[in-house]
């Protein structure tokens, strides 16, 4: 019973933390209409700046999205998406990408082309590594990777040390050595870890 209560608390805590981060960036988009239907959004795709497709039972990244060239905020959380595709580089105006709580195992190297991206939210997936191009995200401020399989970051991540404000790596089994390596790459970033494990 105590274990169940603890897990419930952890889930609520992290969900609450993620929500606070979302509200932080959503203030910038308050005047923009939120589209929650692909059908409606596709009537005027170039006018869509905020698209929320949470809990739509999507099994793949919706291709229609790539016609929305002015898109700034894309929420695809709580679906069944397995990968972030190469076409992601077409969303050149994207500032916020939330693909949390999916089944994502791979991220296209083309994500590094999103030079306007400030928030990348990928918690509760199956990600074991980040592409080297992550270091090309010139405006990135917040990356959320908690509850994934990742224990190392590519050396190119060091290029983010002056702009990445916060990195969430909680709920990941990681040794002290791995945590120290990540801290060395990002000395100016607030990094959230869970307790270390004897898993070198």
Protein backbone atom coordinates (compact mmCIF):
# COMPACT_ATOMS: atom_id res chain seq x y z
CA UNK A 1 0.00 0.00 0.00
CA UNK A 2 2.83 2.39 0.88
CA UNK A 3 4.50 1.67 -2.47
CA UNK A 4 1.29 2.49 -4.33
CA UNK A 5 0.92 5.76 -2.45
CA UNK A 6 4.55 6.66 -3.14
CA UNK A 7 4.21 6.00 -6.87
CA UNK A 8 1.01 8.05 -6.95
CA UNK A 9 2.79 10.93 -5.26
CA UNK A 10 5.73 10.75 -7.68
CA UNK A 11 3.39 10.75 -10.69
CA UNK A 12 1.42 13.72 -9.39
CA UNK A 13 4.57 15.60 -8.51
CA UNK A 14 6.18 15.22 -11.91
CA UNK A 15 2.94 15.89 -13.80
CA UNK A 16 2.49 19.04 -11.76
CA UNK A 17 6.04 20.13 -12.50
CA UNK A 18 5.54 19.55 -16.21
CA UNK A 19 2.30 21.51 -16.10
CA UNK A 20 4.04 24.52 -14.51
CA UNK A 21 6.60 24.50 -17.32
CA UNK A 22 3.85 24.40 -19.91
CA UNK A 23 2.00 27.33 -18.39
CA UNK A 24 5.24 29.28 -18.47
CA UNK A 25 5.58 29.12 -22.25
CA UNK A 26 1.84 29.20 -22.96
CA UNK A 27 1.71 32.78 -21.72
CA UNK A 28 3.46 33.77 -24.94
CA UNK A 29 0.68 32.20 -27.03
CA UNK A 30 -2.42 33.34 -25.14
CA UNK A 31 -3.75 35.45 -27.99
CA UNK A 32 -3.46 32.61 -30.52
CA UNK A 33 -6.29 30.17 -31.20
CA UNK A 34 -5.76 26.58 -30.11
CA UNK A 35 -6.74 23.99 -32.73
CA UNK A 36 -7.61 20.57 -31.30
CA UNK A 37 -8.89 18.98 -34.52
CA UNK A 38 -6.78 18.10 -37.56
CA UNK A 39 -9.82 18.48 -39.78
CA UNK A 40 -10.44 22.03 -38.64
CA UNK A 41 -6.74 22.94 -38.75
CA UNK A 42 -6.40 21.70 -42.33
CA UNK A 43 -9.03 24.14 -43.56
CA UNK A 44 -6.43 26.91 -43.26
CA UNK A 45 -3.15 25.18 -42.37
CA UNK A 46 -0.96 28.27 -42.74
CA UNK A 47 -3.00 30.11 -40.12
CA UNK A 48 -2.44 27.46 -37.43
CA UNK A 49 0.06 28.45 -34.76
CA UNK A 50 -1.10 26.25 -31.86
CA UNK A 51 -2.14 22.63 -32.41
CA UNK A 52 -3.13 20.40 -29.48
CA UNK A 53 -3.73 16.75 -30.38
CA UNK A 54 -3.54 15.20 -26.94
CA UNK A 55 -5.16 11.78 -26.42
CA UNK A 56 -6.11 11.29 -30.09
CA UNK A 57 -4.86 7.67 -30.26
CA UNK A 58 -2.32 8.65 -32.91
CA UNK A 59 0.06 5.85 -33.88
CA UNK A 60 2.34 8.04 -35.99
CA UNK A 61 3.35 11.66 -36.28
CA UNK A 62 0.48 13.21 -38.33
CA UNK A 63 1.78 14.17 -41.78
CA UNK A 64 -0.79 16.95 -42.09
CA UNK A 65 1.17 18.92 -39.52
CA UNK A 66 3.96 19.58 -42.00
CA UNK A 67 1.63 21.78 -44.05
CA UNK A 68 1.28 24.12 -41.06
CA UNK A 69 4.40 26.13 -41.81
CA UNK A 70 3.64 28.84 -39.22
CA UNK A 71 3.12 26.39 -36.37
CA UNK A 72 4.69 27.51 -33.08
CA UNK A 73 3.28 25.08 -30.54
CA UNK A 74 2.64 21.38 -31.18
CA UNK A 75 1.21 19.17 -28.44
CA UNK A 76 1.04 15.44 -29.24
CA UNK A 77 1.13 14.06 -25.71
CA UNK A 78 -0.58 10.86 -24.56
CA UNK A 79 -0.71 9.10 -27.93
CA UNK A 80 1.09 6.05 -29.35
CA UNK A 81 3.65 7.72 -31.57
CA UNK A 82 6.89 5.75 -31.98
CA UNK A 83 9.22 8.21 -33.71
CA UNK A 84 9.85 11.86 -34.51
CA UNK A 85 10.31 11.81 -38.32
CA UNK A 86 12.79 13.51 -40.63
CA UNK A 87 10.13 15.93 -41.87
CA UNK A 88 10.26 17.66 -38.49
CA UNK A 89 12.77 20.08 -40.06
CA UNK A 90 9.91 21.58 -42.10
CA UNK A 91 8.43 23.16 -38.97
CA UNK A 92 10.96 25.99 -38.95
CA UNK A 93 8.84 28.28 -36.74
CA UNK A 94 8.19 25.70 -34.04
CA UNK A 95 8.96 26.94 -30.53
CA UNK A 96 7.33 24.24 -28.39
CA UNK A 97 7.22 20.51 -29.10
CA UNK A 98 5.48 18.26 -26.57
CA UNK A 99 5.49 14.55 -27.42
CA UNK A 100 5.37 13.34 -23.85
CA UNK A 101 3.79 10.04 -22.82
CA UNK A 102 4.11 8.25 -26.16
CA UNK A 103 6.18 5.28 -27.32
CA UNK A 104 8.98 7.25 -28.95
CA UNK A 105 12.25 5.36 -29.25
CA UNK A 106 13.96 7.42 -31.95
CA UNK A 107 14.35 11.09 -32.79
CA UNK A 108 15.39 12.16 -36.27
CA UNK A 109 18.69 13.99 -36.55
CA UNK A 110 16.71 16.67 -38.39
CA UNK A 111 15.36 17.97 -35.10
CA UNK A 112 18.52 20.05 -34.93
CA UNK A 113 17.09 22.23 -37.71
CA UNK A 114 14.46 23.68 -35.37
CA UNK A 115 16.41 26.84 -34.60
CA UNK A 116 13.42 28.54 -32.93
CA UNK A 117 12.65 25.69 -30.54
CA UNK A 118 12.69 26.76 -26.89
CA UNK A 119 10.87 23.87 -25.16
CA UNK A 120 11.33 20.18 -25.98
CA UNK A 121 9.14 17.90 -23.85
CA UNK A 122 9.64 14.16 -24.31
CA UNK A 123 9.02 12.66 -20.89
CA UNK A 124 7.60 9.13 -20.47
CA UNK A 125 8.92 7.62 -23.69
CA UNK A 126 11.50 4.94 -24.61
CA UNK A 127 14.34 7.22 -25.70
CA UNK A 128 17.83 5.81 -25.11
CA UNK A 129 19.86 8.45 -26.93
CA UNK A 130 19.67 11.93 -28.43
CA UNK A 131 20.99 12.77 -31.90
CA UNK A 132 24.17 14.85 -32.08
CA UNK A 133 22.20 17.60 -33.83
CA UNK A 134 20.56 18.44 -30.49
CA UNK A 135 23.50 20.79 -30.07
CA UNK A 136 22.19 22.93 -32.95
CA UNK A 137 19.09 24.09 -31.07
CA UNK A 138 20.18 27.71 -30.77
CA UNK A 139 17.25 28.94 -28.65
CA UNK A 140 16.49 25.89 -26.50
CA UNK A 141 15.75 26.73 -22.87
CA UNK A 142 14.06 23.64 -21.45
CA UNK A 143 14.35 19.92 -22.21
CA UNK A 144 12.22 17.37 -20.36
CA UNK A 145 13.35 13.74 -20.65
CA UNK A 146 12.26 12.30 -17.33
CA UNK A 147 11.28 8.63 -17.28
CA UNK A 148 13.17 7.60 -20.41
CA UNK A 149 16.07 5.19 -20.93
CA UNK A 150 18.77 7.75 -21.61
CA UNK A 151 21.93 7.74 -19.48
CA UNK A 152 24.32 9.68 -21.74
CA UNK A 153 24.15 12.83 -23.82
CA UNK A 154 26.14 13.38 -27.03
CA UNK A 155 29.24 15.60 -26.66
CA UNK A 156 27.57 18.16 -28.93
CA UNK A 157 25.16 18.92 -26.08
CA UNK A 158 27.92 21.10 -24.64
CA UNK A 159 27.04 23.72 -27.26
CA UNK A 160 23.82 24.35 -25.31
CA UNK A 161 25.55 25.30 -22.06
CA UNK A 162 24.85 29.02 -22.43
CA UNK A 163 21.18 28.81 -23.44
CA UNK A 164 19.71 25.64 -21.87
CA UNK A 165 18.28 26.75 -18.54
CA UNK A 166 16.77 23.49 -17.31
CA UNK A 167 17.06 19.77 -18.06
CA UNK A 168 14.88 17.13 -16.41
CA UNK A 169 16.39 13.64 -16.17
CA UNK A 170 14.46 12.32 -13.19
CA UNK A 171 13.04 8.81 -12.93
CA UNK A 172 16.04 7.42 -14.82
CA UNK A 173 18.42 4.83 -13.34
CA UNK A 174 21.82 6.43 -13.72
CA UNK A 175 25.21 6.06 -12.05
CA UNK A 176 27.04 8.92 -10.36
CA UNK A 177 29.60 8.78 -13.18
CA UNK A 178 26.93 9.32 -15.82
CA UNK A 179 25.40 12.18 -13.85
CA UNK A 180 28.78 13.84 -13.46
CA UNK A 181 29.47 13.53 -17.19
CA UNK A 182 26.21 15.30 -17.98
CA UNK A 183 26.94 18.04 -15.45
CA UNK A 184 30.31 18.59 -17.08
CA UNK A 185 28.65 19.07 -20.46
CA UNK A 186 26.13 21.57 -19.09
CA UNK A 187 27.74 23.42 -16.16
CA UNK A 188 25.33 26.36 -16.34
CA UNK A 189 22.13 24.33 -16.58
CA UNK A 190 19.80 23.35 -13.74
CA UNK A 191 19.67 19.56 -14.05
CA UNK A 192 17.17 17.41 -12.18
CA UNK A 193 18.29 13.86 -11.41
CA UNK A 194 16.86 11.03 -9.34
CA UNK A 195 19.10 9.16 -6.92
CA UNK A 196 22.11 7.42 -8.40
CA UNK A 197 22.37 3.67 -8.76
CA UNK A 198 25.30 1.23 -8.65
CA UNK A 199 24.96 0.55 -12.35
CA UNK A 200 28.30 1.47 -13.91
